[in-house]
Amino acid sequence: MSYRRVRSYRRRDARRDRDLVARPRPRRVTLAALLAVALAGMALIAAPHVQAMLTAASKPHALVATGDAGALRAPARHPGHRVTTDATGQPDACAARAGSAGPARCPSARKAETPAAANANANANADCEIIVPAHPLTAAGLATPYQLTGTNGASPQASGCTMANAANLGAFVQATILDPATGKLSVYEPLVITKGTRPAVAPVLPVLPKRAVVTIDFGFNGSNLTQVGATPRALTQGHCVNGMRGSVFGQVSFCHGTHFFWAVHRAERQGRLTVPAAGTSPKTGQPCPTTRSFTMVDQDQSDNVTTQYLLTPTGQTAQFSQKNVANMPRATVIDNGSDNALLDGFLDPVLDCKPFTAPDLSQGGTPGTSQALDELSAAKNQAAPVALVPENDPMVLVNNGFSATKTNHYRDMVGQPEISAKNDAADSPANYCRNMMNIQTRFLSNHEALLASGASPVPSVGNNLFTFMANRLIMSYVNLNCGAFGVADPVHVTLNHNGAATSATFGAGR
């Protein structure tokens, strides 16, 4: 899931695991709401190669806050939360991060939004449309900007669906490309612009190999992003999937995912492609985690992208590249909070692990990460038990109930095996909860000092990587209705007066 979008659900009584359904909690002013408001001011720290590019620029660039301001909600009055009001005052998130992870990499003040965007935010719209260009799997299609706009004919300004409002409703696109003849992989970040605007810099036209096999992943900082074709056949040409009829996945969608993973695995079998080993962390002595590791998964794993864009003060966007960073000194970086960014940009560096990368064609061949690369690494390297998207993941519910069809549809798009008796042993709703709580709490408890040395992806949720992951785990427990399966929550966090977790302890799970 987007680690900024843990959504709370409440349980309806049922007799069996698979009869359990979830429905949204009503919004109210609680500790959860305070967390949500604080979240809007958070910025995602770039992956290491991105940071290197930023420091090479002539001037520093502020990281713009991303994530839905009303999305990441802790369960109200959850017993795992303890609130402290230290008379001396808790250090703010940036200061805490600087103390635990070296020099602070905190966002500077963001330029105020336009009145139209501010009004849209006040209306709390959470859904947008993204216009997919014709022939999206071709080089020309990849280089044609996607357009963000409101739903049901609403303008970007009226709906808040603008890239200037990326913190709440920004959309991001990422392509991963296979050369079927050689097995070589590459990545590319198609640009998203606000409908009615022009790119700040024209996107790079990628050079694709002959018969390239392309998959496209979408990420969103709001709730529901719906694909719309720029032409009547655009979505068909891209084999684009938004979910099921009448039930979208939510933040994420895909184009051509099933065929891409089939082609990649064929290239592996034929010896043309070798996915590298994830390796062992020299800090823990354990295998490096993947996006299918129960040490890091949450309520909706394997979602959103690692794409970043540059945003100008006038609301135009450009692809993120060293050249554009150098030529656009007033631009800020906007990004998509994702499980993949959590792994590649935060957890891997602390564990001294390295993500799977490939040349990024939108950045002149600089090594880049992607959602699809993370899934390939997980498929190759993750030892049992393997975390696969469960049926109680909010993104695969249909009318708030379980759907094996929609779950399998999602799994197909990210290269995961469909539901079976074999993988249900780890990934049925109950077993997913049990593995997530038991394995992740043990990982967090055993490596508290190490994880506490890492920066927090969301300082308003936890003041370092350790407290962030602990608080996120409490939220995932509630949002997956894990208590309904007889799974205990052993996590207890202490929150400061700003609502950020500052410490965590663990009891016994079951």
Protein backbone atom coordinates (compact mmCIF):
# COMPACT_ATOMS: atom_id res chain seq x y z
CA MET A 1 0.00 0.00 0.00
CA SER A 2 0.93 3.59 -0.05
CA TYR A 3 2.44 3.84 3.40
CA ARG A 4 0.54 7.09 3.75
CA ARG A 5 -2.83 5.50 3.04
CA VAL A 6 -3.68 3.07 5.79
CA ARG A 7 -7.45 3.11 5.75
CA SER A 8 -9.53 2.07 8.77
CA TYR A 9 -12.38 -0.39 8.53
CA ARG A 10 -14.77 -1.87 11.05
CA ARG A 11 -15.90 -5.49 11.26
CA ARG A 12 -19.34 -6.92 10.57
CA ASP A 13 -20.22 -10.06 12.56
CA ALA A 14 -19.78 -13.33 10.64
CA ARG A 15 -19.38 -17.03 11.31
CA ARG A 16 -16.41 -17.89 9.11
CA ASP A 17 -13.22 -16.15 7.95
CA ARG A 18 -14.38 -15.75 4.37
CA ASP A 19 -17.77 -14.33 5.39
CA LEU A 20 -16.12 -11.36 7.09
CA VAL A 21 -16.60 -8.06 5.34
CA ALA A 22 -15.39 -4.54 6.01
CA ARG A 23 -16.99 -1.15 5.73
CA PRO A 24 -15.43 2.29 6.05
CA ARG A 25 -15.19 4.03 9.39
CA PRO A 26 -16.92 7.40 9.58
CA ARG A 27 -14.55 10.35 9.63
CA ARG A 28 -14.37 12.17 12.95
CA VAL A 29 -12.03 14.43 14.84
CA THR A 30 -9.80 12.02 16.76
CA LEU A 31 -6.16 11.23 17.14
CA ALA A 32 -6.58 9.67 13.71
CA ALA A 33 -7.61 12.97 12.23
CA LEU A 34 -4.62 14.68 13.83
CA LEU A 35 -2.35 12.12 12.22
CA ALA A 36 -4.05 12.72 8.90
CA VAL A 37 -3.57 16.48 9.06
CA ALA A 38 0.05 16.12 10.08
CA LEU A 39 0.60 13.70 7.22
CA ALA A 40 -0.11 16.35 4.62
CA GLY A 41 3.12 18.09 5.61
CA MET A 42 5.37 15.04 5.10
CA ALA A 43 7.89 14.56 2.34
CA LEU A 44 9.23 11.32 0.93
CA ILE A 45 13.02 11.09 0.99
CA ALA A 46 14.41 10.03 -2.35
CA ALA A 47 16.27 6.79 -2.98
CA PRO A 48 20.09 7.03 -2.76
CA HIS A 49 20.68 7.60 -6.45
CA VAL A 50 18.05 10.35 -6.39
CA GLN A 51 19.75 12.05 -3.46
CA ALA A 52 23.04 11.97 -5.32
CA MET A 53 21.41 13.72 -8.24
CA LEU A 54 19.90 16.35 -6.01
CA THR A 55 23.22 17.16 -4.37
CA ALA A 56 24.79 17.50 -7.80
CA ALA A 57 22.39 20.27 -8.69
CA SER A 58 23.38 23.90 -8.43
CA LYS A 59 20.79 24.60 -5.72
CA PRO A 60 18.99 22.40 -3.19
CA HIS A 61 15.42 21.42 -3.96
CA ALA A 62 12.72 21.00 -1.36
CA LEU A 63 10.93 17.69 -1.31
CA VAL A 64 7.23 18.40 -1.61
CA ALA A 65 4.88 16.61 0.72
CA THR A 66 2.96 13.76 -0.85
CA GLY A 67 0.10 11.61 0.36
CA ASP A 68 -3.60 11.94 1.03
CA ALA A 69 -4.13 14.32 3.92
CA GLY A 70 -7.11 12.31 5.12
CA ALA A 71 -5.81 8.86 4.42
CA LEU A 72 -3.37 7.46 6.97
CA ARG A 73 -5.59 7.02 9.99
CA ALA A 74 -4.72 5.25 13.19
CA PRO A 75 -7.61 3.41 14.81
CA ALA A 76 -9.31 5.71 17.28
CA ARG A 77 -8.46 4.95 20.93
CA HIS A 78 -6.59 1.81 19.91
CA PRO A 79 -5.14 0.13 23.03
CA GLY A 80 -1.74 -0.01 21.34
CA HIS A 81 -1.51 3.79 21.40
CA ARG A 82 -0.28 5.66 24.46
CA VAL A 83 -0.20 9.46 24.26
CA THR A 84 2.43 11.37 26.18
CA THR A 85 2.61 15.10 26.75
CA ASP A 86 6.18 15.74 27.73
CA ALA A 87 6.40 19.07 29.50
CA THR A 88 9.71 19.74 27.82
CA GLY A 89 8.15 19.19 24.40
CA GLN A 90 8.93 16.36 22.00
CA PRO A 91 11.40 17.24 19.23
CA ASP A 92 9.62 17.85 15.97
CA ALA A 93 9.81 15.18 13.29
CA CYS A 94 12.67 16.76 11.38
CA ALA A 95 14.79 17.24 14.47
CA ALA A 96 14.15 13.70 15.61
CA ARG A 97 15.08 12.37 12.22
CA ALA A 98 18.25 14.40 12.14
CA GLY A 99 19.27 13.08 15.54
CA SER A 100 18.78 9.45 14.56
CA ALA A 101 19.86 9.45 10.95
CA GLY A 102 22.50 12.12 10.52
CA PRO A 103 21.95 15.44 8.77
CA ALA A 104 18.31 16.34 8.41
CA ARG A 105 16.80 15.99 4.96
CA CYS A 106 13.61 17.83 5.76
CA PRO A 107 11.30 19.72 3.42
CA SER A 108 11.36 23.47 3.29
CA ALA A 109 8.13 25.40 3.25
CA ARG A 110 6.00 24.69 0.24
CA LYS A 111 4.51 27.43 -1.87
CA ALA A 112 0.90 28.06 -0.93
CA GLU A 113 -1.73 26.39 -3.10
CA THR A 114 -3.99 28.41 -5.35
CA PRO A 115 -7.41 29.32 -3.94
CA ALA A 116 -9.04 26.82 -6.29
CA ALA A 117 -6.84 23.99 -5.02
CA ALA A 118 -7.39 25.04 -1.44
CA ASN A 119 -11.16 25.08 -1.95
CA ALA A 120 -11.00 21.64 -3.53
CA ASN A 121 -9.05 20.33 -0.58
CA ALA A 122 -11.63 21.80 1.77
CA ASN A 123 -14.25 19.75 -0.05
CA ALA A 124 -12.11 16.68 0.63
CA ASN A 125 -12.40 15.18 -2.84
CA ALA A 126 -10.30 12.02 -2.94
CA ASP A 127 -10.92 10.67 -6.47
CA CYS A 128 -9.50 11.64 -9.86
CA GLU A 129 -9.23 10.44 -13.45
CA ILE A 130 -6.05 9.93 -15.45
CA ILE A 131 -6.19 10.23 -19.22
CA VAL A 132 -4.08 7.50 -20.85
CA PRO A 133 -2.57 8.42 -24.24
CA ALA A 134 -3.09 6.39 -27.40
CA HIS A 135 -0.78 3.41 -27.93
CA PRO A 136 0.61 3.65 -24.38
CA LEU A 137 2.98 0.68 -24.77
CA THR A 138 4.95 2.30 -27.62
CA ALA A 139 7.82 4.78 -27.39
CA ALA A 140 5.57 7.57 -28.63
CA GLY A 141 2.87 6.62 -26.14
CA LEU A 142 5.31 6.53 -23.24
CA ALA A 143 6.58 10.00 -24.16
CA THR A 144 3.07 11.47 -24.46
CA PRO A 145 2.04 13.09 -21.16
CA TYR A 146 -0.75 11.52 -19.14
CA GLN A 147 -3.33 14.05 -17.95
CA LEU A 148 -4.80 14.33 -14.45
CA THR A 149 -8.34 15.69 -14.11
CA GLY A 150 -11.51 15.47 -12.04
CA THR A 151 -14.14 12.76 -12.24
CA ASN A 152 -17.53 13.07 -13.93
CA GLY A 153 -16.47 16.03 -16.01
CA ALA A 154 -15.17 18.15 -13.12
CA SER A 155 -12.24 20.36 -14.01
CA PRO A 156 -8.84 19.86 -12.38
CA GLN A 157 -9.21 23.12 -10.50
CA ALA A 158 -12.72 22.44 -9.21
CA SER A 159 -11.83 18.91 -8.09
CA GLY A 160 -8.34 19.57 -6.76
CA CYS A 161 -7.02 16.98 -9.24
CA THR A 162 -3.90 18.94 -10.15
CA MET A 163 -0.25 18.02 -9.92
CA ALA A 164 0.25 21.20 -7.90
CA ASN A 165 -1.91 19.38 -5.32
CA ALA A 166 0.27 16.27 -5.54
CA ALA A 167 0.42 15.93 -1.77
CA ASN A 168 -3.24 14.94 -1.77
CA LEU A 169 -4.20 13.94 -5.31
CA GLY A 170 -1.03 13.50 -7.34
CA ALA A 171 -0.82 10.67 -9.88
CA PHE A 172 2.38 8.92 -10.97
CA VAL A 173 3.17 6.48 -13.78
CA GLN A 174 6.05 4.02 -14.18
CA ALA A 175 6.97 1.66 -17.02
CA THR A 176 9.25 -1.38 -16.92
CA ILE A 177 10.50 -2.71 -20.25
CA LEU A 178 11.79 -6.12 -21.33
CA ASP A 179 13.90 -6.76 -24.41
CA PRO A 180 12.67 -10.28 -25.25
CA ALA A 181 15.68 -11.00 -27.46
CA THR A 182 18.32 -10.28 -24.82
CA GLY A 183 16.44 -10.40 -21.54
CA LYS A 184 17.61 -6.89 -20.64
CA LEU A 185 15.32 -4.75 -18.52
CA SER A 186 14.92 -0.97 -18.33
CA VAL A 187 12.54 1.50 -16.71
CA TYR A 188 10.92 4.75 -17.80
CA GLU A 189 8.74 7.31 -16.00
CA PRO A 190 6.00 8.68 -18.28
CA LEU A 191 5.06 12.21 -17.26
CA VAL A 192 1.75 13.19 -15.69
CA ILE A 193 0.55 16.76 -16.21
CA THR A 194 -2.55 18.60 -15.08
CA LYS A 195 -5.10 18.58 -17.89
CA GLY A 196 -4.95 21.92 -19.68
CA THR A 197 -1.28 22.54 -18.92
CA ARG A 198 1.91 21.80 -20.85
CA PRO A 199 5.01 19.98 -19.60
CA ALA A 200 7.68 22.23 -18.12
CA VAL A 201 10.13 20.23 -20.26
CA ALA A 202 9.13 17.87 -23.06
CA PRO A 203 9.45 14.22 -21.97
CA VAL A 204 12.35 12.16 -23.26
CA LEU A 205 11.45 9.92 -26.20
CA PRO A 206 12.75 6.49 -25.17
CA VAL A 207 14.46 4.15 -27.59
CA LEU A 208 12.77 0.79 -27.13
CA PRO A 209 14.13 -2.56 -28.26
CA LYS A 210 12.41 -4.40 -31.08
CA ARG A 211 9.22 -6.11 -29.88
CA ALA A 212 9.66 -4.63 -26.43
CA VAL A 213 7.33 -5.97 -23.75
CA VAL A 214 6.17 -3.10 -21.56
CA THR A 215 4.21 -3.00 -18.32
CA ILE A 216 2.86 0.25 -16.87
CA ASP A 217 2.06 0.78 -13.20
CA PHE A 218 0.03 3.68 -11.78
CA GLY A 219 0.18 5.19 -8.30
CA PHE A 220 -2.02 7.81 -6.66
CA ASN A 221 -1.90 9.86 -3.48
CA GLY A 222 -5.69 10.04 -3.17
CA SER A 223 -8.25 7.25 -2.87
CA ASN A 224 -9.48 6.17 -6.32
CA LEU A 225 -7.75 6.85 -9.63
CA THR A 226 -9.73 5.82 -12.70
CA GLN A 227 -8.15 5.36 -16.13
CA VAL A 228 -9.78 7.11 -19.08
CA GLY A 229 -8.58 6.70 -22.65
CA ALA A 230 -7.46 9.72 -24.64
CA THR A 231 -8.93 7.88 -27.62
CA PRO A 232 -11.68 5.24 -27.72
CA ARG A 233 -9.11 2.45 -28.08
CA ALA A 234 -6.29 3.70 -25.87
CA LEU A 235 -7.07 1.44 -22.90
CA THR A 236 -7.53 -1.58 -25.15
CA GLN A 237 -4.26 -0.85 -26.95
CA GLY A 238 -2.48 -0.78 -23.60
CA HIS A 239 -4.28 -3.81 -22.14
CA CYS A 240 -5.05 -1.50 -19.21
CA VAL A 241 -6.75 -2.77 -16.07
CA ASN A 242 -8.37 -0.56 -13.43
CA GLY A 243 -9.94 -3.34 -11.36
CA MET A 244 -13.24 -5.06 -12.06
CA ARG A 245 -16.35 -3.57 -13.64
CA GLY A 246 -17.83 -1.29 -11.01
CA SER A 247 -15.02 -1.92 -8.52
CA VAL A 248 -11.66 -0.27 -9.12
CA PHE A 249 -8.56 -1.26 -7.18
CA GLY A 250 -8.31 2.26 -5.77
CA GLN A 251 -4.95 4.00 -5.80
CA VAL A 252 -3.39 1.66 -8.33
CA SER A 253 -3.99 0.35 -11.81
CA PHE A 254 -1.96 -1.32 -14.51
CA CYS A 255 -1.39 -1.84 -18.22
CA HIS A 256 -0.13 -5.11 -19.73
CA GLY A 257 1.02 -6.55 -16.40
CA THR A 258 0.01 -10.18 -16.94
CA HIS A 259 1.82 -10.55 -20.26
CA PHE A 260 4.92 -8.71 -19.03
CA PHE A 261 5.48 -11.07 -16.10
CA TRP A 262 4.79 -14.08 -18.31
CA ALA A 263 7.40 -12.84 -20.82
CA VAL A 264 9.94 -12.13 -18.09
CA HIS A 265 9.59 -15.56 -16.53
CA ARG A 266 9.93 -17.14 -19.98
CA ALA A 267 13.15 -15.19 -20.51
CA GLU A 268 14.38 -16.49 -17.15
CA ARG A 269 13.58 -20.09 -18.07
CA GLN A 270 15.38 -19.69 -21.38
CA GLY A 271 18.48 -18.27 -19.69
CA ARG A 272 18.30 -14.80 -21.22
CA LEU A 273 17.46 -13.06 -17.96
CA THR A 274 18.88 -13.60 -14.50
CA VAL A 275 17.29 -11.70 -11.66
CA PRO A 276 20.03 -10.97 -9.11
CA ALA A 277 20.02 -12.43 -5.63
CA ALA A 278 18.65 -10.10 -2.99
CA GLY A 279 21.58 -11.02 -0.78
CA THR A 280 22.02 -11.05 2.97
CA SER A 281 22.03 -8.01 5.21
CA PRO A 282 25.43 -7.63 6.86
CA LYS A 283 23.65 -5.73 9.64
CA THR A 284 21.24 -8.53 10.59
CA GLY A 285 22.77 -11.64 9.05
CA GLN A 286 19.35 -12.39 7.55
CA PRO A 287 18.15 -12.35 3.92
CA CYS A 288 17.41 -8.89 2.60
CA PRO A 289 13.65 -8.26 2.63
CA THR A 290 11.50 -8.07 -0.48
CA THR A 291 8.04 -6.65 -1.15
CA ARG A 292 6.70 -10.14 -0.37
CA SER A 293 8.41 -10.36 3.02
CA PHE A 294 6.21 -10.46 6.11
CA THR A 295 8.87 -8.37 7.82
CA MET A 296 7.62 -5.29 5.92
CA VAL A 297 4.17 -5.88 4.37
CA ASP A 298 1.05 -4.10 5.51
CA GLN A 299 -2.67 -4.00 4.76
CA ASP A 300 -2.27 -3.65 0.98
CA GLN A 301 1.15 -4.71 -0.17
CA SER A 302 2.78 -4.40 -3.59
CA ASP A 303 1.21 -1.08 -4.54
CA ASN A 304 2.18 2.31 -5.92
CA VAL A 305 5.40 3.34 -7.66
CA THR A 306 8.82 4.89 -7.05
CA THR A 307 8.34 7.59 -9.72
CA GLN A 308 9.23 11.22 -8.97
CA TYR A 309 8.53 14.38 -10.96
CA LEU A 310 9.66 17.98 -10.79
CA LEU A 311 7.00 20.61 -10.09
CA THR A 312 7.43 24.28 -11.02
CA PRO A 313 5.98 27.18 -9.02
CA THR A 314 3.43 27.63 -11.83
CA GLY A 315 2.14 24.06 -11.48
CA GLN A 316 3.86 22.49 -14.51
CA THR A 317 5.62 19.16 -14.24
CA ALA A 318 8.71 17.60 -15.81
CA GLN A 319 10.41 14.24 -15.63
CA PHE A 320 12.93 13.91 -12.83
CA SER A 321 16.45 13.81 -14.25
CA GLN A 322 19.80 15.31 -13.40
CA LYS A 323 19.58 17.60 -16.41
CA ASN A 324 16.13 18.88 -15.46
CA VAL A 325 17.10 19.32 -11.82
CA ALA A 326 20.07 21.46 -12.85
CA ASN A 327 18.01 23.53 -15.29
CA MET A 328 15.02 24.06 -12.99
CA PRO A 329 16.42 25.50 -9.75
CA ARG A 330 13.00 26.60 -8.50
CA ALA A 331 11.35 23.24 -9.02
CA THR A 332 10.45 20.91 -6.18
CA VAL A 333 10.26 17.12 -6.15
CA ILE A 334 6.89 15.39 -5.88
CA ASP A 335 6.45 11.68 -5.39
CA ASN A 336 4.17 8.77 -4.62
CA GLY A 337 4.32 7.18 -1.18
CA SER A 338 4.64 3.45 -1.79
CA ASP A 339 5.68 0.16 -0.26
CA ASN A 340 8.33 0.02 -2.96
CA ALA A 341 9.79 3.37 -1.93
CA LEU A 342 9.74 2.24 1.70
CA LEU A 343 11.80 -0.82 0.79
CA ASP A 344 14.12 0.72 -1.81
CA GLY A 345 14.68 4.13 -0.21
CA PHE A 346 14.47 3.52 3.54
CA LEU A 347 14.69 -0.11 4.65
CA ASP A 348 17.36 -1.33 2.22
CA PRO A 349 19.82 1.48 3.07
CA VAL A 350 19.51 0.81 6.81
CA LEU A 351 20.02 -2.93 6.30
CA ASP A 352 22.87 -2.34 3.81
CA CYS A 353 20.88 -4.13 1.12
CA LYS A 354 20.56 -3.08 -2.52
CA PRO A 355 17.33 -2.95 -4.55
CA PHE A 356 17.06 -4.47 -8.01
CA THR A 357 17.71 -1.68 -10.53
CA ALA A 358 17.77 -1.25 -14.30
CA PRO A 359 18.73 1.63 -16.61
CA ASP A 360 16.19 4.45 -16.41
CA LEU A 361 15.56 5.68 -19.95
CA SER A 362 14.02 8.92 -18.69
CA GLN A 363 17.23 9.70 -16.79
CA GLY A 364 19.83 8.90 -19.42
CA GLY A 365 20.37 5.33 -18.24
CA THR A 366 20.96 6.10 -14.55
CA PRO A 367 20.10 3.00 -12.48
CA GLY A 368 16.48 3.20 -11.37
CA THR A 369 14.01 1.19 -9.34
CA SER A 370 10.44 0.23 -10.18
CA GLN A 371 7.46 -1.59 -8.76
CA ALA A 372 7.81 -4.35 -11.34
CA LEU A 373 11.52 -4.83 -10.60
CA ASP A 374 10.71 -5.19 -6.90
CA GLU A 375 8.13 -7.86 -7.70
CA LEU A 376 10.59 -9.74 -9.90
CA SER A 377 13.14 -9.69 -7.11
CA ALA A 378 10.53 -10.91 -4.64
CA ALA A 379 9.43 -13.74 -6.94
CA LYS A 380 13.04 -14.87 -7.28
CA ASN A 381 14.29 -14.39 -3.74
CA GLN A 382 11.56 -14.49 -1.14
CA ALA A 383 11.71 -17.62 1.01
CA ALA A 384 8.62 -19.07 2.64
CA PRO A 385 6.34 -17.86 4.00
CA VAL A 386 5.74 -15.63 0.98
CA ALA A 387 3.38 -12.68 1.46
CA LEU A 388 0.88 -12.42 -1.40
CA VAL A 389 -2.01 -9.94 -1.71
CA PRO A 390 -4.72 -11.34 0.63
CA GLU A 391 -8.47 -11.21 0.12
CA ASN A 392 -8.91 -8.81 3.04
CA ASP A 393 -6.68 -6.22 1.36
CA PRO A 394 -9.01 -3.19 1.00
CA MET A 395 -7.95 -2.75 -2.63
CA VAL A 396 -9.41 -6.13 -3.64
CA LEU A 397 -12.71 -5.97 -1.77
CA VAL A 398 -15.92 -5.81 -3.80
CA ASN A 399 -18.83 -4.05 -2.11
CA ASN A 400 -16.74 -4.35 1.07
CA GLY A 401 -16.69 -8.16 0.82
CA PHE A 402 -14.04 -10.68 -0.16
CA SER A 403 -13.58 -11.45 -3.87
CA ALA A 404 -11.26 -14.21 -5.03
CA THR A 405 -11.73 -12.99 -8.60
CA LYS A 406 -10.61 -9.45 -7.89
CA THR A 407 -7.76 -10.66 -5.67
CA ASN A 408 -6.48 -12.90 -8.46
CA HIS A 409 -6.88 -10.05 -10.93
CA TYR A 410 -4.63 -7.86 -8.80
CA ARG A 411 -2.11 -10.65 -8.25
CA ASP A 412 -1.89 -11.23 -12.00
CA MET A 413 -0.99 -7.56 -12.56
CA VAL A 414 1.99 -7.77 -10.18
CA GLY A 415 3.20 -11.21 -11.20
CA GLN A 416 1.93 -13.12 -8.16
CA PRO A 417 0.43 -16.63 -8.21
CA GLU A 418 -3.33 -16.85 -7.91
CA ILE A 419 -5.13 -18.12 -4.81
CA SER A 420 -4.60 -21.81 -4.11
CA ALA A 421 -4.75 -24.16 -1.16
CA LYS A 422 -0.95 -24.13 -1.14
CA ASN A 423 -0.46 -20.38 -0.82
CA ASP A 424 -3.54 -19.97 1.39
CA ALA A 425 -1.45 -21.68 4.06
CA ALA A 426 0.39 -18.36 4.33
CA ASP A 427 -1.97 -15.88 2.71
CA SER A 428 -5.58 -16.63 3.60
CA PRO A 429 -7.00 -13.61 5.43
CA ALA A 430 -6.38 -15.20 8.82
CA ASN A 431 -2.95 -16.59 8.00
CA TYR A 432 -1.78 -13.36 6.40
CA CYS A 433 -2.71 -11.52 9.59
CA ARG A 434 -1.01 -14.12 11.76
CA ASN A 435 2.22 -14.12 9.74
CA MET A 436 2.31 -10.32 9.45
CA MET A 437 1.91 -9.80 13.19
CA ASN A 438 4.17 -12.60 14.41
CA ILE A 439 7.00 -12.20 11.89
CA GLN A 440 7.04 -8.42 11.68
CA THR A 441 6.88 -7.84 15.43
CA ARG A 442 9.79 -10.24 15.89
CA PHE A 443 11.78 -8.43 13.19
CA LEU A 444 11.08 -5.02 14.69
CA SER A 445 11.82 -6.14 18.24
CA ASN A 446 15.07 -7.88 17.31
CA HIS A 447 16.42 -4.91 15.32
CA GLU A 448 15.04 -1.91 17.19
CA ALA A 449 18.32 -0.02 17.51
CA LEU A 450 19.26 -0.58 13.88
CA LEU A 451 15.88 0.49 12.53
CA ALA A 452 15.73 3.47 14.88
CA SER A 453 18.88 4.78 13.18
CA GLY A 454 16.95 5.14 9.92
CA ALA A 455 14.89 8.09 8.72
CA SER A 456 11.12 7.90 8.97
CA PRO A 457 9.20 7.93 5.68
CA VAL A 458 6.39 9.78 7.50
CA PRO A 459 7.67 11.73 10.52
CA SER A 460 4.12 12.53 11.61
CA VAL A 461 3.49 8.79 12.06
CA GLY A 462 6.81 7.77 13.63
CA ASN A 463 9.92 9.76 14.47
CA ASN A 464 12.26 7.16 12.95
CA LEU A 465 12.00 4.08 10.76
CA PHE A 466 11.43 1.77 13.73
CA THR A 467 8.57 3.74 15.30
CA PHE A 468 7.05 4.40 11.88
CA MET A 469 6.91 0.68 11.06
CA ALA A 470 5.54 -0.19 14.50
CA ASN A 471 2.73 2.37 14.24
CA ARG A 472 2.00 1.30 10.66
CA LEU A 473 1.70 -2.31 11.86
CA ILE A 474 -0.96 -1.36 14.43
CA MET A 475 -2.95 0.38 11.70
CA SER A 476 -2.65 -2.59 9.34
CA TYR A 477 -3.85 -4.95 12.08
CA VAL A 478 -7.07 -2.94 12.41
CA ASN A 479 -7.59 -2.32 8.70
CA LEU A 480 -7.29 -6.05 7.89
CA ASN A 481 -9.68 -6.95 10.72
CA CYS A 482 -7.06 -9.26 12.13
CA GLY A 483 -8.75 -9.41 15.53
CA ALA A 484 -11.71 -11.14 13.91
CA PHE A 485 -9.47 -14.12 13.15
CA GLY A 486 -8.29 -14.53 16.73
CA VAL A 487 -4.94 -12.88 16.01
CA ALA A 488 -3.57 -10.77 18.85
CA ASP A 489 -1.95 -7.37 18.44
CA PRO A 490 1.18 -7.26 20.62
CA VAL A 491 2.32 -3.80 19.47
CA HIS A 492 2.19 -0.79 21.79
CA VAL A 493 3.45 2.63 20.75
CA THR A 494 3.83 5.88 22.65
CA LEU A 495 2.69 8.98 20.80
CA ASN A 496 3.90 12.50 21.45
CA HIS A 497 1.58 15.50 21.59
CA ASN A 498 1.84 15.80 17.79
CA GLY A 499 0.59 12.24 17.32
CA ALA A 500 3.90 10.74 16.16
CA ALA A 501 5.09 7.44 17.62
CA THR A 502 8.27 7.91 19.65
CA SER A 503 8.73 4.43 21.10
CA ALA A 504 7.30 0.94 20.74
CA THR A 505 7.14 -2.25 22.76
CA PHE A 506 5.92 -5.74 21.94
CA GLY A 507 4.00 -8.33 23.91
CA ALA A 508 3.11 -11.88 22.97
CA GLY A 509 1.26 -12.60 19.73
CA ARG A 510 -0.62 -15.77 18.83
